[in-house]
Protein backbone atom coordinates (compact mmCIF):
# COMPACT_ATOMS: atom_id res chain seq x y z
CA MET A 1 47.49 -14.38 31.42
CA SER A 2 48.18 -11.56 29.34
CA ILE A 3 46.76 -10.51 26.83
CA VAL A 4 47.71 -7.96 23.51
CA ILE A 5 44.49 -6.90 21.62
CA VAL A 6 45.26 -5.60 18.09
CA GLY A 7 42.91 -3.56 16.60
CA GLY A 8 39.48 -2.65 17.23
CA ASN A 9 37.69 0.46 18.20
CA GLU A 10 39.48 3.16 19.99
CA CYS A 11 36.60 4.53 21.62
CA MET A 12 36.30 0.52 23.03
CA GLU A 13 39.83 0.49 24.97
CA CYS A 14 38.66 0.45 28.09
CA GLN A 15 35.48 -1.62 27.58
CA TYR A 16 38.20 -4.34 26.41
CA LYS A 17 40.21 -3.89 29.27
CA GLU A 18 37.53 -4.21 31.29
CA ILE A 19 36.36 -7.24 30.26
CA CYS A 20 39.82 -9.08 30.47
CA LYS A 21 39.87 -8.33 33.26
CA LYS A 22 36.38 -9.44 34.33
CA HIS A 23 38.11 -13.06 32.66
CA GLY A 24 41.36 -12.51 35.12
CA CYS A 25 43.48 -11.53 32.36
CA LYS A 26 45.62 -8.57 31.87
CA ALA A 27 45.39 -6.55 28.35
CA LYS A 28 47.06 -4.17 26.47
CA VAL A 29 45.34 -2.67 23.55
CA PHE A 30 46.61 -1.25 20.14
CA THR A 31 44.00 0.18 18.26
CA LYS A 32 46.55 2.55 15.68
CA GLU A 33 49.73 2.44 15.67
CA ARG A 34 51.59 4.17 17.63
CA GLY A 35 55.24 3.54 17.12
CA ASN A 36 56.64 0.16 17.15
CA VAL A 37 53.95 -2.54 17.80
CA GLY A 38 56.22 -5.32 18.28
CA LYS A 39 58.48 -3.88 20.38
CA LYS A 40 55.26 -2.71 22.55
CA MET A 41 53.75 -5.60 22.83
CA GLY A 42 55.79 -7.51 25.33
CA CYS A 43 55.61 -11.45 25.96
CA PRO A 44 51.71 -12.08 25.83
CA ASP A 45 50.42 -15.32 26.77
CA LEU A 46 47.63 -15.00 23.46
CA LEU A 47 47.63 -12.35 20.57
CA VAL A 48 44.00 -11.48 20.18
CA MET A 49 43.84 -9.84 16.09
CA PHE A 50 40.53 -7.94 15.10
CA THR A 51 40.95 -8.24 11.72
CA ASN A 52 38.18 -6.28 10.65
CA THR A 53 39.76 -3.17 12.09
CA VAL A 54 43.31 -3.24 12.00
CA SER A 55 45.89 -2.24 9.32
CA HIS A 56 47.72 -4.48 7.23
CA LYS A 57 50.61 -3.18 7.92
CA MET A 58 49.55 -3.29 11.83
CA MET A 59 48.77 -6.76 11.42
CA ASN A 60 52.22 -8.19 9.36
CA THR A 61 54.42 -6.65 12.46
CA ALA A 62 52.58 -7.80 15.54
CA VAL A 63 51.88 -11.52 13.79
CA ALA A 64 55.63 -11.71 12.93
CA GLU A 65 56.32 -10.73 16.74
CA ALA A 66 54.18 -13.41 17.54
CA LYS A 67 55.86 -16.50 15.35
CA ARG A 68 58.94 -15.32 16.71
CA LYS A 69 58.01 -15.04 20.20
CA ASN A 70 56.03 -18.68 20.14
CA VAL A 71 52.80 -16.36 21.17
CA GLU A 72 49.41 -18.07 20.43
CA VAL A 73 47.22 -15.61 17.26
CA ALA A 74 43.51 -15.44 17.70
CA TRP A 75 41.63 -14.36 14.83
CA VAL A 76 38.29 -12.67 15.06
CA HIS A 77 36.78 -10.73 12.26
CA SER A 78 34.64 -8.52 14.56
CA SER A 79 35.75 -6.17 16.88
CA SER A 80 32.30 -6.40 19.59
CA ALA A 81 32.59 -6.35 23.67
CA SER A 82 30.55 -10.15 22.57
CA ALA A 83 33.04 -11.39 20.21
CA LEU A 84 36.00 -10.84 22.76
CA LYS A 85 33.82 -12.40 25.31
CA THR A 86 32.71 -15.26 23.14
CA LEU A 87 37.03 -15.78 22.78
CA LEU A 88 37.74 -15.20 26.15
CA SER A 89 35.97 -17.59 27.38
CA GLN A 90 37.47 -20.51 25.19
CA TYR A 91 40.68 -19.56 26.13
CA VAL A 92 40.37 -19.09 29.96
């Protein structure tokens, strides 16, 4: 299963990827907008939005691309490791 994470803390990017790896998922993490996120995200199985730590522009771009590609979007307010673990245990 491939996952794209938008938002979150920059210092936790490696932890997000490691948590996804432990759940058998491959993850791309975008904490800051470096170029067009919509083009870089590809076609994942799940888009995780950490709503507390993402800009509106980045969120709108990622959600529009997800709708265009029929990708499920999971909204999570907290960008903590435990919130990601809880979410992945529901989806994986």
